């Protein structure tokens, strides 16, 4: 290390490439304390980094699961559409069958009533 007089009372230090810019650890206890704080901060930052990587992986897994669930819901929706159309067809057939059954019951009732009228007329004529 070389020094040069700049002004009276001040010394300018010039560091060469070979000079060690860090004093020995025993030279300044404040530097030791600062280094300990920096080391603790580095450890904390590493833990935070690990936590962030874990959260990133979890978020990717959640995203993948959401995509899978979305696909399954889409498939279920398509299946339900098919079931709904089949149910509509069945309901139409049941409605048609019910109308036919009601019509046949009406005709049966009409024929029975006509038969009763004929029987009553025959009884009236014979008496």
C-alpha atoms as a PDB file:
ATOM      1  CA  UNK A   1       0.000   0.000   0.000  1.00  0.00           C
ATOM      2  CA  UNK A   2       1.336   3.421  -0.848  1.00  0.00           C
ATOM      3  CA  UNK A   3       0.313   6.721   0.653  1.00  0.00           C
ATOM      4  CA  UNK A   4       0.715  10.269  -0.522  1.00  0.00           C
ATOM      5  CA  UNK A   5       0.327  13.533   1.288  1.00  0.00           C
ATOM      6  CA  UNK A   6      -2.646  15.400  -0.189  1.00  0.00           C
ATOM      7  CA  UNK A   7      -3.322  18.159   2.305  1.00  0.00           C
ATOM      8  CA  UNK A   8      -1.958  18.864   5.645  1.00  0.00           C
ATOM      9  CA  UNK A   9      -3.535  16.487   8.165  1.00  0.00           C
ATOM     10  CA  UNK A  10      -4.971  14.127   5.526  1.00  0.00           C
ATOM     11  CA  UNK A  11      -3.385  11.070   3.999  1.00  0.00           C
ATOM     12  CA  UNK A  12      -4.557   9.609   0.732  1.00  0.00           C
ATOM     13  CA  UNK A  13      -4.277   5.853   0.441  1.00  0.00           C
ATOM     14  CA  UNK A  14      -3.763   4.182  -2.904  1.00  0.00           C
ATOM     15  CA  UNK A  15      -4.464   0.475  -3.008  1.00  0.00           C
ATOM     16  CA  UNK A  16      -2.426  -1.609  -5.371  1.00  0.00           C
ATOM     17  CA  UNK A  17      -3.847  -4.801  -6.864  1.00  0.00           C
ATOM     18  CA  UNK A  18      -1.630  -6.822  -4.570  1.00  0.00           C
ATOM     19  CA  UNK A  19      -2.799  -4.992  -1.459  1.00  0.00           C
ATOM     20  CA  UNK A  20      -5.392  -6.727   0.710  1.00  0.00           C
ATOM     21  CA  UNK A  21      -8.367  -4.335   1.055  1.00  0.00           C
ATOM     22  CA  UNK A  22      -9.768  -6.267   4.047  1.00  0.00           C
ATOM     23  CA  UNK A  23      -8.003  -5.800   7.347  1.00  0.00           C
ATOM     24  CA  UNK A  24      -7.444  -8.780   9.582  1.00  0.00           C
ATOM     25  CA  UNK A  25     -10.499  -9.880  11.572  1.00  0.00           C
ATOM     26  CA  UNK A  26      -8.909  -8.884  14.843  1.00  0.00           C
ATOM     27  CA  UNK A  27      -8.275  -5.346  13.566  1.00  0.00           C
ATOM     28  CA  UNK A  28     -11.846  -4.131  13.906  1.00  0.00           C
ATOM     29  CA  UNK A  29     -14.574  -5.813  15.997  1.00  0.00           C
ATOM     30  CA  UNK A  30     -17.234  -3.836  14.117  1.00  0.00           C
ATOM     31  CA  UNK A  31     -16.236  -5.555  10.884  1.00  0.00           C
ATOM     32  CA  UNK A  32     -16.603  -8.926  12.577  1.00  0.00           C
ATOM     33  CA  UNK A  33     -20.052  -7.953  13.804  1.00  0.00           C
ATOM     34  CA  UNK A  34     -21.064  -6.702  10.356  1.00  0.00           C
ATOM     35  CA  UNK A  35     -19.799  -9.894   8.744  1.00  0.00           C
ATOM     36  CA  UNK A  36     -21.822 -11.966  11.222  1.00  0.00           C
ATOM     37  CA  UNK A  37     -24.934  -9.922  10.373  1.00  0.00           C
ATOM     38  CA  UNK A  38     -24.299 -10.368   6.649  1.00  0.00           C
ATOM     39  CA  UNK A  39     -23.852 -14.127   7.130  1.00  0.00           C
ATOM     40  CA  UNK A  40     -27.172 -14.325   9.009  1.00  0.00           C
ATOM     41  CA  UNK A  41     -28.876 -12.316   6.287  1.00  0.00           C
ATOM     42  CA  UNK A  42     -27.411 -14.628   3.643  1.00  0.00           C
ATOM     43  CA  UNK A  43     -28.779 -17.651   5.506  1.00  0.00           C
ATOM     44  CA  UNK A  44     -32.179 -15.981   5.832  1.00  0.00           C
ATOM     45  CA  UNK A  45     -32.192 -15.131   2.135  1.00  0.00           C
ATOM     46  CA  UNK A  46     -31.310 -18.732   1.274  1.00  0.00           C
ATOM     47  CA  UNK A  47     -34.229 -19.974   3.403  1.00  0.00           C
ATOM     48  CA  UNK A  48     -36.535 -17.439   1.751  1.00  0.00           C
ATOM     49  CA  UNK A  49     -35.286 -18.580  -1.661  1.00  0.00           C
ATOM     50  CA  UNK A  50     -35.947 -22.218  -0.738  1.00  0.00           C
ATOM     51  CA  UNK A  51     -39.438 -21.297   0.456  1.00  0.00           C
ATOM     52  CA  UNK A  52     -40.131 -19.408  -2.763  1.00  0.00           C
ATOM     53  CA  UNK A  53     -38.976 -22.379  -4.853  1.00  0.00           C
ATOM     54  CA  UNK A  54     -41.275 -24.638  -2.829  1.00  0.00           C
ATOM     55  CA  UNK A  55     -44.190 -22.235  -3.330  1.00  0.00           C
ATOM     56  CA  UNK A  56     -43.433 -22.051  -7.051  1.00  0.00           C
ATOM     57  CA  UNK A  57     -43.477 -25.850  -7.343  1.00  0.00           C
ATOM     58  CA  UNK A  58     -46.712 -26.031  -5.362  1.00  0.00           C
ATOM     59  CA  UNK A  59     -48.330 -23.367  -7.538  1.00  0.00           C
ATOM     60  CA  UNK A  60     -47.344 -25.319 -10.669  1.00  0.00           C
ATOM     61  CA  UNK A  61     -48.855 -28.483  -9.177  1.00  0.00           C
ATOM     62  CA  UNK A  62     -52.042 -26.609  -8.268  1.00  0.00           C
ATOM     63  CA  UNK A  63     -52.212 -25.206 -11.801  1.00  0.00           C
ATOM     64  CA  UNK A  64     -51.815 -28.695 -13.284  1.00  0.00           C
ATOM     65  CA  UNK A  65     -54.526 -30.047 -10.980  1.00  0.00           C
ATOM     66  CA  UNK A  66     -56.859 -27.196 -11.953  1.00  0.00           C
ATOM     67  CA  UNK A  67     -56.308 -27.965 -15.637  1.00  0.00           C
ATOM     68  CA  UNK A  68     -57.106 -31.648 -15.023  1.00  0.00           C
ATOM     69  CA  UNK A  69     -60.247 -30.739 -13.048  1.00  0.00           C
ATOM     70  CA  UNK A  70     -61.320 -28.326 -15.784  1.00  0.00           C
ATOM     71  CA  UNK A  71     -60.969 -31.033 -18.435  1.00  0.00           C
ATOM     72  CA  UNK A  72     -62.982 -33.466 -16.311  1.00  0.00           C
ATOM     73  CA  UNK A  73     -65.706 -30.847 -15.784  1.00  0.00           C
ATOM     74  CA  UNK A  74     -65.836 -30.202 -19.533  1.00  0.00           C
ATOM     75  CA  UNK A  75     -66.224 -33.932 -20.188  1.00  0.00           C
ATOM     76  CA  UNK A  76     -68.945 -34.128 -17.544  1.00  0.00           C
ATOM     77  CA  UNK A  77     -70.718 -31.165 -19.133  1.00  0.00           C
ATOM     78  CA  UNK A  78     -70.662 -32.867 -22.542  1.00  0.00           C
ATOM     79  CA  UNK A  79     -71.947 -36.105 -20.999  1.00  0.00           C
ATOM     80  CA  UNK A  80     -74.720 -34.228 -19.229  1.00  0.00           C
ATOM     81  CA  UNK A  81     -75.734 -32.569 -22.515  1.00  0.00           C
ATOM     82  CA  UNK A  82     -76.066 -36.008 -24.103  1.00  0.00           C
ATOM     83  CA  UNK A  83     -78.052 -37.306 -21.146  1.00  0.00           C
ATOM     84  CA  UNK A  84     -80.306 -34.249 -21.264  1.00  0.00           C
ATOM     85  CA  UNK A  85     -81.110 -34.774 -24.951  1.00  0.00           C
ATOM     86  CA  UNK A  86     -81.868 -38.461 -24.321  1.00  0.00           C
ATOM     87  CA  UNK A  87     -84.103 -37.516 -21.380  1.00  0.00           C
ATOM     88  CA  UNK A  88     -85.984 -35.067 -23.619  1.00  0.00           C
ATOM     89  CA  UNK A  89     -86.579 -37.850 -26.151  1.00  0.00           C
ATOM     90  CA  UNK A  90     -87.822 -40.212 -23.436  1.00  0.00           C
ATOM     91  CA  UNK A  91     -90.140 -37.529 -22.022  1.00  0.00           C
ATOM     92  CA  UNK A  92     -91.605 -36.891 -25.499  1.00  0.00           C
ATOM     93  CA  UNK A  93     -92.204 -40.614 -25.976  1.00  0.00           C
ATOM     94  CA  UNK A  94     -93.839 -40.870 -22.544  1.00  0.00           C
ATOM     95  CA  UNK A  95     -96.044 -37.888 -23.316  1.00  0.00           C
ATOM     96  CA  UNK A  96     -97.099 -39.431 -26.617  1.00  0.00           C
ATOM     97  CA  UNK A  97     -97.781 -42.764 -24.927  1.00  0.00           C
ATOM     98  CA  UNK A  98     -99.857 -41.048 -22.239  1.00  0.00           C
ATOM     99  CA  UNK A  99    -101.945 -39.254 -24.874  1.00  0.00           C
ATOM    100  CA  UNK A 100    -102.482 -42.496 -26.773  1.00  0.00           C
ATOM    101  CA  UNK A 101    -103.461 -44.272 -23.585  1.00  0.00           C
ATOM    102  CA  UNK A 102    -105.910 -41.519 -22.671  1.00  0.00           C
ATOM    103  CA  UNK A 103    -107.419 -41.648 -26.171  1.00  0.00           C
ATOM    104  CA  UNK A 104    -107.811 -45.423 -26.023  1.00  0.00           C
ATOM    105  CA  UNK A 105    -109.413 -45.154 -22.579  1.00  0.00           C
ATOM    106  CA  UNK A 106    -111.807 -42.552 -23.950  1.00  0.00           C
ATOM    107  CA  UNK A 107    -112.764 -44.797 -26.868  1.00  0.00           C
ATOM    108  CA  UNK A 108    -113.212 -47.737 -24.539  1.00  0.00           C
ATOM    109  CA  UNK A 109    -115.481 -45.648 -22.329  1.00  0.00           C
ATOM    110  CA  UNK A 110    -117.489 -44.480 -25.366  1.00  0.00           C
ATOM    111  CA  UNK A 111    -118.002 -48.058 -26.588  1.00  0.00           C
ATOM    112  CA  UNK A 112    -119.067 -49.213 -23.114  1.00  0.00           C
ATOM    113  CA  UNK A 113    -121.577 -46.362 -22.836  1.00  0.00           C
ATOM    114  CA  UNK A 114    -122.953 -47.113 -26.325  1.00  0.00           C
ATOM    115  CA  UNK A 115    -123.284 -50.756 -25.296  1.00  0.00           C
ATOM    116  CA  UNK A 116    -125.170 -49.761 -22.127  1.00  0.00           C
ATOM    117  CA  UNK A 117    -127.512 -47.536 -24.133  1.00  0.00           C
ATOM    118  CA  UNK A 118    -128.221 -50.413 -26.528  1.00  0.00           C
ATOM    119  CA  UNK A 119    -128.853 -52.787 -23.611  1.00  0.00           C
ATOM    120  CA  UNK A 120    -131.189 -50.261 -21.960  1.00  0.00           C
ATOM    121  CA  UNK A 121    -133.063 -49.747 -25.237  1.00  0.00           C
ATOM    122  CA  UNK A 122    -133.460 -53.496 -25.672  1.00  0.00           C
ATOM    123  CA  UNK A 123    -134.744 -53.803 -22.110  1.00  0.00           C
ATOM    124  CA  UNK A 124    -137.149 -50.917 -22.685  1.00  0.00           C
ATOM    125  CA  UNK A 125    -138.471 -52.460 -25.890  1.00  0.00           C
ATOM    126  CA  UNK A 126    -138.955 -55.851 -24.290  1.00  0.00           C
ATOM    127  CA  UNK A 127    -140.801 -54.543 -21.282  1.00  0.00           C
END
